[in-house]
């Protein structure tokens, strides 16, 4: 097996997405804090990058949705922290 840089980037993305999900499931990561959607979004972006070099339409669609949902989470976390700092 000959791994390319794109493969390595994709594997790092997978590690971020799966790792953050695992940590949330075992209660070690709060999904309402900024770190969770940030890591998921970065992971999805890295996977999308890897798909440029070995395209799969289904994987691309999943990752675009994953990235979009992560961006919603980032915005919500930022708004929550902003409201909290005003009190």
N, C-alpha and C. Protein backbone atom coordinates (compact mmCIF):
# COMPACT_ATOMS: atom_id res chain seq x y z
N UNK A 1 0.85 -1.17 0.00
CA UNK A 1 0.00 0.00 0.00
C UNK A 1 0.90 1.24 0.00
N UNK A 2 0.63 2.12 -0.92
CA UNK A 2 1.43 3.33 -1.07
C UNK A 2 0.58 4.53 -0.65
N UNK A 3 0.83 5.07 0.56
CA UNK A 3 0.06 6.20 1.05
C UNK A 3 0.60 7.50 0.49
N UNK A 4 -0.31 8.34 0.06
CA UNK A 4 0.05 9.66 -0.44
C UNK A 4 -0.19 10.70 0.66
N UNK A 5 0.24 11.91 0.41
CA UNK A 5 -0.02 13.00 1.35
C UNK A 5 -1.53 13.20 1.51
N UNK A 6 -2.28 13.09 0.42
CA UNK A 6 -3.74 13.24 0.48
C UNK A 6 -4.36 12.15 1.38
N UNK A 7 -3.83 10.93 1.29
CA UNK A 7 -4.31 9.85 2.16
C UNK A 7 -4.04 10.18 3.62
N UNK A 8 -2.85 10.66 3.92
CA UNK A 8 -2.48 11.00 5.29
C UNK A 8 -3.38 12.11 5.83
N UNK A 9 -3.62 13.13 5.02
CA UNK A 9 -4.50 14.22 5.42
C UNK A 9 -5.91 13.68 5.69
N UNK A 10 -6.39 12.81 4.82
CA UNK A 10 -7.71 12.21 5.01
C UNK A 10 -7.79 11.38 6.28
N UNK A 11 -6.74 10.61 6.57
CA UNK A 11 -6.72 9.80 7.80
C UNK A 11 -6.71 10.68 9.05
N UNK A 12 -6.01 11.80 8.99
CA UNK A 12 -6.03 12.74 10.12
C UNK A 12 -7.45 13.28 10.30
N UNK A 13 -8.12 13.60 9.19
CA UNK A 13 -9.51 14.05 9.26
C UNK A 13 -10.42 13.01 9.87
N UNK A 14 -10.25 11.77 9.45
CA UNK A 14 -11.06 10.67 10.01
C UNK A 14 -10.80 10.54 11.51
N UNK A 15 -9.54 10.63 11.92
CA UNK A 15 -9.20 10.52 13.34
C UNK A 15 -9.87 11.63 14.14
N UNK A 16 -9.90 12.84 13.59
CA UNK A 16 -10.56 13.94 14.30
C UNK A 16 -12.06 13.71 14.43
N UNK A 17 -12.70 13.33 13.34
CA UNK A 17 -14.16 13.13 13.36
C UNK A 17 -14.54 11.97 14.27
N UNK A 18 -13.90 10.85 14.08
CA UNK A 18 -14.23 9.66 14.87
C UNK A 18 -13.80 9.85 16.33
N UNK A 19 -12.64 10.44 16.52
CA UNK A 19 -12.14 10.66 17.89
C UNK A 19 -13.03 11.57 18.69
N UNK A 20 -13.47 12.68 18.10
CA UNK A 20 -14.35 13.59 18.84
C UNK A 20 -15.70 12.95 19.12
N UNK A 21 -16.20 12.19 18.16
CA UNK A 21 -17.48 11.51 18.39
C UNK A 21 -17.34 10.48 19.51
N UNK A 22 -16.27 9.72 19.49
CA UNK A 22 -16.03 8.74 20.55
C UNK A 22 -15.94 9.42 21.91
N UNK A 23 -15.16 10.50 21.99
CA UNK A 23 -15.02 11.21 23.26
C UNK A 23 -16.35 11.76 23.75
N UNK A 24 -17.20 12.21 22.83
CA UNK A 24 -18.52 12.69 23.24
C UNK A 24 -19.37 11.55 23.78
N UNK A 25 -19.25 10.38 23.19
CA UNK A 25 -20.07 9.24 23.61
C UNK A 25 -19.66 8.67 24.96
N UNK A 26 -18.41 8.83 25.32
CA UNK A 26 -17.97 8.35 26.64
C UNK A 26 -17.97 9.47 27.69
N UNK A 27 -18.53 10.62 27.32
CA UNK A 27 -18.68 11.71 28.26
C UNK A 27 -17.42 12.52 28.52
N UNK A 28 -16.45 12.44 27.64
CA UNK A 28 -15.19 13.17 27.83
C UNK A 28 -15.11 14.45 27.02
N UNK A 29 -16.11 14.72 26.18
CA UNK A 29 -16.12 15.95 25.40
C UNK A 29 -17.54 16.50 25.38
N UNK A 30 -17.65 17.77 25.73
CA UNK A 30 -18.94 18.45 25.76
C UNK A 30 -19.28 18.93 24.35
N UNK A 31 -20.34 18.40 23.79
CA UNK A 31 -20.70 18.73 22.41
C UNK A 31 -21.23 20.14 22.25
N UNK A 32 -21.54 20.82 23.36
CA UNK A 32 -22.05 22.18 23.28
C UNK A 32 -20.94 23.22 23.32
N UNK A 33 -19.71 22.80 23.56
CA UNK A 33 -18.58 23.74 23.60
C UNK A 33 -17.96 23.86 22.22
N UNK A 34 -17.24 24.90 22.00
CA UNK A 34 -16.68 25.23 20.69
C UNK A 34 -15.74 24.15 20.15
N UNK A 35 -14.98 23.50 21.01
CA UNK A 35 -13.98 22.54 20.55
C UNK A 35 -14.58 21.41 19.72
N UNK A 36 -15.73 20.90 20.14
CA UNK A 36 -16.34 19.76 19.44
C UNK A 36 -16.68 20.06 17.98
N UNK A 37 -17.46 21.10 17.68
CA UNK A 37 -17.75 21.35 16.26
C UNK A 37 -16.52 21.82 15.48
N UNK A 38 -15.59 22.48 16.16
CA UNK A 38 -14.37 22.91 15.47
C UNK A 38 -13.58 21.70 14.98
N UNK A 39 -13.35 20.73 15.87
CA UNK A 39 -12.59 19.54 15.49
C UNK A 39 -13.33 18.73 14.42
N UNK A 40 -14.65 18.65 14.54
CA UNK A 40 -15.43 17.94 13.53
C UNK A 40 -15.36 18.64 12.19
N UNK A 41 -15.45 19.95 12.19
CA UNK A 41 -15.37 20.71 10.95
C UNK A 41 -14.01 20.60 10.30
N UNK A 42 -12.96 20.69 11.09
CA UNK A 42 -11.61 20.53 10.56
C UNK A 42 -11.44 19.14 9.98
N UNK A 43 -11.93 18.14 10.71
CA UNK A 43 -11.84 16.76 10.23
C UNK A 43 -12.56 16.59 8.90
N UNK A 44 -13.77 17.13 8.80
CA UNK A 44 -14.53 17.03 7.55
C UNK A 44 -13.80 17.74 6.41
N UNK A 45 -13.24 18.90 6.69
CA UNK A 45 -12.50 19.64 5.65
C UNK A 45 -11.28 18.85 5.18
N UNK A 46 -10.60 18.20 6.10
CA UNK A 46 -9.43 17.40 5.72
C UNK A 46 -9.85 16.20 4.87
N UNK A 47 -10.97 15.58 5.21
CA UNK A 47 -11.46 14.47 4.41
C UNK A 47 -11.87 14.96 3.02
N UNK A 48 -12.53 16.11 2.95
CA UNK A 48 -12.90 16.68 1.65
C UNK A 48 -11.65 16.93 0.82
N UNK A 49 -10.61 17.46 1.45
CA UNK A 49 -9.35 17.67 0.73
C UNK A 49 -8.84 16.37 0.14
N UNK A 50 -8.86 15.30 0.92
CA UNK A 50 -8.36 14.01 0.42
C UNK A 50 -9.22 13.49 -0.72
N UNK A 51 -10.51 13.83 -0.71
CA UNK A 51 -11.42 13.36 -1.77
C UNK A 51 -11.15 14.04 -3.11
N UNK A 52 -10.46 15.17 -3.08
CA UNK A 52 -10.08 15.82 -4.34
C UNK A 52 -9.19 14.90 -5.16
N UNK A 53 -8.40 14.10 -4.48
CA UNK A 53 -7.42 13.23 -5.15
C UNK A 53 -7.94 11.83 -5.43
N UNK A 54 -8.96 11.41 -4.70
CA UNK A 54 -9.59 10.11 -4.92
C UNK A 54 -11.09 10.30 -4.66
N UNK A 55 -11.78 10.84 -5.65
CA UNK A 55 -13.16 11.28 -5.46
C UNK A 55 -14.13 10.13 -5.29
N UNK A 56 -15.03 10.32 -4.34
CA UNK A 56 -16.18 9.44 -4.13
C UNK A 56 -17.36 10.35 -3.87
N UNK A 57 -18.35 10.32 -4.74
CA UNK A 57 -19.48 11.24 -4.63
C UNK A 57 -20.22 11.08 -3.30
N UNK A 58 -20.47 9.86 -2.89
CA UNK A 58 -21.20 9.63 -1.64
C UNK A 58 -20.42 10.15 -0.44
N UNK A 59 -19.13 9.88 -0.38
CA UNK A 59 -18.30 10.37 0.72
C UNK A 59 -18.24 11.89 0.72
N UNK A 60 -18.16 12.47 -0.47
CA UNK A 60 -18.12 13.92 -0.58
C UNK A 60 -19.39 14.55 -0.02
N UNK A 61 -20.54 14.00 -0.38
CA UNK A 61 -21.82 14.53 0.10
C UNK A 61 -21.90 14.43 1.62
N UNK A 62 -21.52 13.30 2.18
CA UNK A 62 -21.54 13.14 3.64
C UNK A 62 -20.66 14.20 4.30
N UNK A 63 -19.47 14.39 3.77
CA UNK A 63 -18.52 15.33 4.39
C UNK A 63 -18.96 16.77 4.24
N UNK A 64 -19.60 17.11 3.13
CA UNK A 64 -20.12 18.48 2.97
C UNK A 64 -21.20 18.74 4.03
N UNK A 65 -22.09 17.76 4.23
CA UNK A 65 -23.10 17.92 5.28
C UNK A 65 -22.46 17.97 6.66
N UNK A 66 -21.45 17.12 6.90
CA UNK A 66 -20.76 17.09 8.19
C UNK A 66 -20.12 18.45 8.46
N UNK A 67 -19.50 19.03 7.44
CA UNK A 67 -18.87 20.34 7.58
C UNK A 67 -19.93 21.41 7.83
N UNK A 68 -21.02 21.39 7.09
CA UNK A 68 -22.08 22.39 7.28
C UNK A 68 -22.69 22.30 8.68
N UNK A 69 -22.96 21.09 9.14
CA UNK A 69 -23.51 20.91 10.49
C UNK A 69 -22.51 21.37 11.54
N UNK A 70 -21.24 21.11 11.32
CA UNK A 70 -20.21 21.56 12.24
C UNK A 70 -20.16 23.08 12.30
N UNK A 71 -20.34 23.74 11.16
CA UNK A 71 -20.34 25.20 11.14
C UNK A 71 -21.53 25.75 11.94
N UNK A 72 -22.67 25.08 11.86
CA UNK A 72 -23.82 25.47 12.68
C UNK A 72 -23.44 25.35 14.16
N UNK A 73 -22.77 24.27 14.52
CA UNK A 73 -22.34 24.08 15.91
C UNK A 73 -21.35 25.14 16.36
N UNK A 74 -20.44 25.53 15.48
CA UNK A 74 -19.47 26.58 15.80
C UNK A 74 -20.20 27.89 16.08
N UNK A 75 -21.12 28.25 15.21
CA UNK A 75 -21.88 29.50 15.38
C UNK A 75 -22.66 29.46 16.68
N UNK A 76 -23.33 28.36 16.96
CA UNK A 76 -24.11 28.23 18.20
C UNK A 76 -23.22 28.36 19.42
N UNK A 77 -22.05 27.70 19.40
CA UNK A 77 -21.13 27.77 20.54
C UNK A 77 -20.61 29.19 20.74
N UNK A 78 -20.30 29.87 19.64
CA UNK A 78 -19.82 31.25 19.75
C UNK A 78 -20.90 32.17 20.29
N UNK A 79 -22.13 32.00 19.81
CA UNK A 79 -23.24 32.81 20.31
C UNK A 79 -23.50 32.54 21.79
N UNK A 80 -23.41 31.28 22.19
CA UNK A 80 -23.62 30.91 23.59
C UNK A 80 -22.55 31.54 24.48
N UNK A 81 -21.30 31.48 24.05
CA UNK A 81 -20.22 32.05 24.86
C UNK A 81 -20.33 33.58 24.90
N UNK A 82 -20.80 34.16 23.82
CA UNK A 82 -20.99 35.61 23.76
C UNK A 82 -22.09 36.05 24.73
N UNK A 83 -23.19 35.30 24.75
CA UNK A 83 -24.27 35.61 25.68
C UNK A 83 -23.82 35.44 27.12
N UNK A 84 -23.00 34.42 27.36
CA UNK A 84 -22.51 34.16 28.71
C UNK A 84 -21.57 35.23 29.20
N UNK A 85 -20.80 35.83 28.32
CA UNK A 85 -19.83 36.85 28.73
C UNK A 85 -20.50 38.19 28.98
N UNK A 86 -21.73 38.38 28.50
CA UNK A 86 -22.44 39.63 28.70
C UNK A 86 -23.13 39.67 30.06
N UNK A 87 -23.30 38.52 30.71
CA UNK A 87 -24.00 38.47 32.00
C UNK A 87 -23.08 38.78 33.13
